[in-house]
Amino acid sequence: MRRKVKEAAAALDYHPNLAAQSLIARRSFLIGLTYERPSPSYVVELQNGALGRLENERYRLVVLPFNHVASRPEELGKLLLRAGLDGVLLAPPACDQPLLLDMIERQKLPDGLSPPPWRYRVAWGRNWTVQTDVDGQSGVTAARVAFLAERYRLAASDATAGAIVRTNHPLAQDPAPVESYFRDEADAAREANRRLALFGKTNSLYRIRLKAHPFVHEIGEEVHVTFPRWDLQAGRSLRIVALTEDTDENATEIIGFG
């Protein structure tokens, strides 16, 4: 169905109405870029970098020059709020202002994920009638005796991937087996590797406090965050796992994982 819709849109030369999408999604699809009296070459490089990141995206760039940021950070914050932006790129010295920067902090992961697991073992071939008294009986093979003696078998995640996690996290955990109902070992191994792949790179929780309109974001939504602290300098995609909205203060607090 999705393919047919795309084919029909291409045949009709249809282009989405960004204004209508903004009303439905309660987003502006605008990204702000603010800077203070930089050199012309720096401005061009900065804008080209931002436009390159937004290429093929629905978002548009809004340039907001602002002077004397150091003495007017609160005024700049109000300006950005009034602009109704979905995100902001802060160039120096704006990115060095505590009032603007003290909006993001890294959170401790839950105990079950910190330190992360270095392997997963997933159950398969469940035996509903455990029997330990069949050894030596006529016609019962050794393999059958071993099968009947256990509730299930275990498929482990890839050992090489686990070694990489242990290199990055020397205190990585070896969690208890995941009880499941897979019939085949291959399916259980796939699930074990899927779970371990979640820790192929270092993930963290981030608490983000925004002066932004409430009810714009939703739990489960993916957001891209760039910030000059922690490990967000190059940008990181985060999944929203918790959301608190304050209509009185016109503020939103997001907890993102990624």
Protein backbone atom coordinates (compact mmCIF):
# COMPACT_ATOMS: atom_id res chain seq x y z
CA MET A 1 0.00 0.00 0.00
CA ARG A 2 2.84 2.43 0.90
CA ARG A 3 4.50 1.75 -2.46
CA LYS A 4 1.27 2.44 -4.35
CA VAL A 5 0.76 5.71 -2.50
CA LYS A 6 4.30 6.83 -3.34
CA GLU A 7 3.83 5.88 -6.99
CA ALA A 8 0.57 7.84 -7.18
CA ALA A 9 2.21 10.86 -5.51
CA ALA A 10 5.08 10.76 -8.01
CA ALA A 11 2.70 10.48 -10.96
CA LEU A 12 0.70 13.49 -9.74
CA ASP A 13 3.87 15.44 -8.85
CA TYR A 14 2.49 15.76 -5.33
CA HIS A 15 4.48 17.63 -2.69
CA PRO A 16 3.44 17.66 0.99
CA ASN A 17 1.98 20.88 2.35
CA LEU A 18 4.40 21.87 5.08
CA ALA A 19 1.96 24.32 6.65
CA ALA A 20 -0.70 21.60 6.95
CA GLN A 21 1.83 19.16 8.40
CA SER A 22 2.85 21.77 10.97
CA LEU A 23 -0.75 22.13 12.13
CA ILE A 24 -1.29 18.38 12.40
CA ALA A 25 2.04 17.55 14.06
CA ARG A 26 2.08 20.71 16.18
CA ARG A 27 5.59 21.45 14.92
CA SER A 28 7.03 24.37 13.03
CA PHE A 29 9.65 22.33 11.12
CA LEU A 30 12.01 25.26 11.71
CA ILE A 31 15.58 25.03 13.02
CA GLY A 32 17.13 28.24 14.33
CA LEU A 33 20.74 29.27 13.88
CA THR A 34 21.98 32.12 16.07
CA TYR A 35 25.41 33.76 16.09
CA GLU A 36 27.07 37.02 17.19
CA ARG A 37 29.07 39.12 14.72
CA PRO A 38 31.30 36.38 13.27
CA SER A 39 33.47 36.77 10.18
CA PRO A 40 31.70 36.44 6.79
CA SER A 41 33.56 33.21 5.98
CA TYR A 42 32.53 31.70 9.31
CA VAL A 43 28.88 32.58 8.68
CA VAL A 44 28.98 30.92 5.26
CA GLU A 45 30.63 27.79 6.65
CA LEU A 46 28.20 27.64 9.55
CA GLN A 47 25.13 28.03 7.36
CA ASN A 48 26.39 25.54 4.77
CA GLY A 49 26.99 22.98 7.51
CA ALA A 50 23.50 23.45 8.91
CA LEU A 51 21.89 23.33 5.47
CA GLY A 52 23.86 20.21 4.62
CA ARG A 53 22.52 18.48 7.72
CA LEU A 54 18.95 19.50 6.86
CA GLU A 55 19.19 18.49 3.21
CA ASN A 56 16.37 16.12 2.18
CA GLU A 57 14.65 16.80 5.51
CA ARG A 58 11.38 18.66 6.04
CA TYR A 59 13.05 21.22 8.26
CA ARG A 60 13.99 24.73 7.18
CA LEU A 61 16.75 26.92 8.58
CA VAL A 62 15.98 30.27 10.22
CA VAL A 63 18.98 32.55 10.79
CA LEU A 64 18.79 34.73 13.93
CA PRO A 65 21.82 37.03 14.40
CA PHE A 66 22.06 38.36 17.97
CA ASN A 67 24.59 40.79 19.49
CA HIS A 68 25.90 41.06 23.06
CA VAL A 69 24.81 37.53 24.00
CA ALA A 70 26.96 37.50 27.16
CA SER A 71 24.96 40.33 28.72
CA ARG A 72 21.57 39.34 27.30
CA PRO A 73 21.25 35.52 27.45
CA GLU A 74 17.72 35.62 28.87
CA GLU A 75 16.62 37.97 26.10
CA LEU A 76 18.05 35.59 23.51
CA GLY A 77 16.21 32.70 25.14
CA LYS A 78 12.92 34.58 24.92
CA LEU A 79 13.59 35.41 21.27
CA LEU A 80 14.18 31.74 20.46
CA LEU A 81 11.02 30.78 22.32
CA ARG A 82 8.90 33.31 20.45
CA ALA A 83 10.27 32.02 17.15
CA GLY A 84 8.45 28.71 17.72
CA LEU A 85 11.44 26.60 16.68
CA ASP A 86 11.74 22.83 16.84
CA GLY A 87 15.48 23.08 17.48
CA VAL A 88 18.33 25.58 17.83
CA LEU A 89 21.97 25.67 16.74
CA LEU A 90 23.97 27.94 19.07
CA ALA A 91 27.29 29.30 17.80
CA PRO A 92 29.86 30.82 20.19
CA PRO A 93 29.48 32.69 22.46
CA ALA A 94 25.82 31.67 22.85
CA CYS A 95 26.82 28.01 23.35
CA ASP A 96 28.97 29.07 26.33
CA GLN A 97 26.16 30.71 28.29
CA PRO A 98 25.13 28.63 31.36
CA LEU A 99 21.58 29.97 31.20
CA LEU A 100 21.21 28.53 27.70
CA LEU A 101 23.42 25.46 28.13
CA ASP A 102 22.19 24.16 31.47
CA MET A 103 19.29 22.41 29.80
CA ILE A 104 20.78 18.95 29.21
CA GLU A 105 22.30 16.51 31.65
CA ARG A 106 23.26 12.86 31.33
CA GLN A 107 21.36 10.46 33.57
CA LYS A 108 22.46 7.19 35.13
CA LEU A 109 21.12 4.17 33.31
CA PRO A 110 18.94 1.69 35.24
CA ASP A 111 20.95 -0.90 37.18
CA GLY A 112 19.98 -3.60 34.67
CA LEU A 113 21.70 -1.67 31.87
CA SER A 114 24.66 -0.08 33.65
CA PRO A 115 27.14 -1.57 33.15
CA PRO A 116 25.63 -3.15 30.02
CA PRO A 117 25.38 -6.90 29.37
CA TRP A 118 28.25 -8.51 27.44
CA ARG A 119 26.14 -11.46 26.31
CA TYR A 120 22.58 -12.72 26.18
CA ARG A 121 21.37 -16.29 26.42
CA VAL A 122 17.90 -17.02 25.10
CA ALA A 123 15.90 -20.17 25.80
CA TRP A 124 14.69 -22.46 23.02
CA GLY A 125 13.37 -26.02 22.67
CA ARG A 126 11.29 -25.85 25.84
CA ASN A 127 10.54 -29.17 27.56
CA TRP A 128 7.23 -29.08 29.44
CA THR A 129 7.74 -32.41 31.25
CA VAL A 130 11.16 -32.54 32.88
CA GLN A 131 12.17 -36.14 33.59
CA THR A 132 15.33 -37.25 35.33
CA ASP A 133 14.58 -40.97 35.78
CA VAL A 134 14.70 -42.25 32.19
CA ASP A 135 18.43 -42.93 31.96
CA GLY A 136 19.04 -46.59 31.16
CA GLN A 137 15.53 -47.27 29.94
CA SER A 138 15.22 -49.25 26.74
CA GLY A 139 15.18 -47.18 23.56
CA VAL A 140 16.01 -43.87 25.27
CA THR A 141 19.14 -42.36 23.73
CA ALA A 142 21.67 -40.27 25.61
CA ALA A 143 20.58 -37.20 23.63
CA ARG A 144 16.96 -37.81 24.65
CA VAL A 145 17.97 -38.24 28.30
CA ALA A 146 19.79 -34.90 28.19
CA PHE A 147 16.81 -33.20 26.55
CA LEU A 148 14.30 -34.48 29.10
CA ALA A 149 16.49 -33.47 32.04
CA GLU A 150 16.38 -29.72 31.19
CA ARG A 151 13.48 -27.24 30.93
CA TYR A 152 15.05 -25.62 27.87
CA ARG A 153 18.25 -25.18 25.89
CA LEU A 154 20.18 -21.90 25.57
CA ALA A 155 21.41 -20.04 22.50
CA ALA A 156 24.10 -17.44 23.25
CA SER A 157 24.79 -14.19 21.45
CA ASP A 158 27.86 -13.78 19.27
CA ALA A 159 31.06 -14.11 21.32
CA THR A 160 33.03 -11.63 19.20
CA ALA A 161 30.43 -8.91 19.69
CA GLY A 162 30.43 -9.68 23.40
CA ALA A 163 34.19 -9.25 23.55
CA ILE A 164 33.85 -5.76 22.04
CA VAL A 165 31.35 -4.79 24.73
CA ARG A 166 33.67 -6.12 27.45
CA THR A 167 36.55 -4.09 26.01
CA ASN A 168 34.48 -0.91 26.33
CA HIS A 169 32.92 -1.96 29.65
CA PRO A 170 35.27 -4.13 31.76
CA LEU A 171 32.53 -4.59 34.39
CA ALA A 172 29.90 -5.66 31.83
CA GLN A 173 27.19 -7.95 33.20
CA ASP A 174 26.30 -11.55 32.35
CA PRO A 175 22.51 -11.47 32.92
CA ALA A 176 20.32 -14.46 33.68
CA PRO A 177 18.95 -16.37 30.67
CA VAL A 178 15.94 -14.91 28.89
CA GLU A 179 13.07 -17.36 29.19
CA SER A 180 11.26 -17.64 25.87
CA TYR A 181 9.33 -20.11 23.75
CA PHE A 182 11.38 -20.41 20.57
CA ARG A 183 11.23 -23.79 18.95
CA ASP A 184 14.43 -23.50 16.92
CA GLU A 185 17.93 -22.61 18.09
CA ALA A 186 18.48 -20.26 15.13
CA ASP A 187 15.55 -18.07 16.16
CA ALA A 188 16.76 -17.90 19.76
CA ALA A 189 20.28 -17.00 18.62
CA ARG A 190 18.87 -14.22 16.44
CA GLU A 191 17.03 -12.76 19.43
CA ALA A 192 20.14 -12.99 21.61
CA ASN A 193 22.19 -11.12 18.99
CA ARG A 194 19.44 -8.51 18.55
CA ARG A 195 19.50 -7.73 22.26
CA LEU A 196 23.29 -7.54 22.40
CA ALA A 197 23.38 -5.25 19.35
CA LEU A 198 21.60 -2.62 21.44
CA PHE A 199 24.89 -2.24 23.33
CA GLY A 200 27.24 -2.25 20.34
CA LYS A 201 27.82 1.43 21.05
CA THR A 202 27.74 3.33 24.29
CA ASN A 203 24.21 4.50 25.10
CA SER A 204 23.08 6.89 27.79
CA LEU A 205 20.01 8.57 29.17
CA TYR A 206 19.79 12.33 28.76
CA ARG A 207 17.46 14.68 30.59
CA ILE A 208 16.70 17.66 28.38
CA ARG A 209 14.90 20.74 29.68
CA LEU A 210 13.52 22.92 26.92
CA LYS A 211 11.76 26.23 26.81
CA ALA A 212 9.46 24.85 24.14
CA HIS A 213 5.75 24.55 23.55
CA PRO A 214 4.23 21.58 25.44
CA PHE A 215 2.52 18.73 23.58
CA VAL A 216 4.89 18.95 20.61
CA HIS A 217 6.77 15.70 21.32
CA GLU A 218 5.53 12.19 22.13
CA ILE A 219 6.98 9.19 23.97
CA GLY A 220 8.67 6.87 21.49
CA GLU A 221 9.53 9.69 19.11
CA GLU A 222 13.10 9.97 17.85
CA VAL A 223 14.86 13.33 18.16
CA HIS A 224 18.32 14.38 17.04
CA VAL A 225 20.28 16.33 19.66
CA THR A 226 23.50 18.29 19.19
CA PHE A 227 25.09 19.77 22.30
CA PRO A 228 28.64 20.94 23.15
CA ARG A 229 28.91 18.70 26.22
CA TRP A 230 28.91 15.00 27.11
CA ASP A 231 29.19 12.95 23.91
CA LEU A 232 26.66 14.96 21.92
CA GLN A 233 29.07 17.22 20.05
CA ALA A 234 28.65 15.31 16.78
CA GLY A 235 24.92 14.89 17.32
CA ARG A 236 23.04 11.79 18.46
CA SER A 237 19.62 10.35 17.81
CA LEU A 238 17.67 9.75 21.01
CA ARG A 239 14.41 7.91 21.62
CA ILE A 240 12.07 9.74 24.00
CA VAL A 241 11.34 7.40 26.93
CA ALA A 242 9.79 9.91 29.35
CA LEU A 243 8.13 13.26 28.95
CA THR A 244 7.02 16.00 31.38
CA GLU A 245 5.21 19.09 30.14
CA ASP A 246 4.60 22.32 32.07
CA THR A 247 1.98 24.56 30.48
CA ASP A 248 2.40 27.25 33.14
CA GLU A 249 6.09 27.69 32.36
CA ASN A 250 5.68 26.81 28.67
CA ALA A 251 8.42 24.22 29.12
CA THR A 252 9.05 20.58 28.31
CA GLU A 253 11.38 18.05 29.94
CA ILE A 254 12.44 15.08 27.84
CA ILE A 255 14.37 11.98 28.86
CA GLY A 256 15.96 10.46 25.77
CA PHE A 257 17.89 7.21 25.35
CA GLY A 258 20.52 6.69 22.70
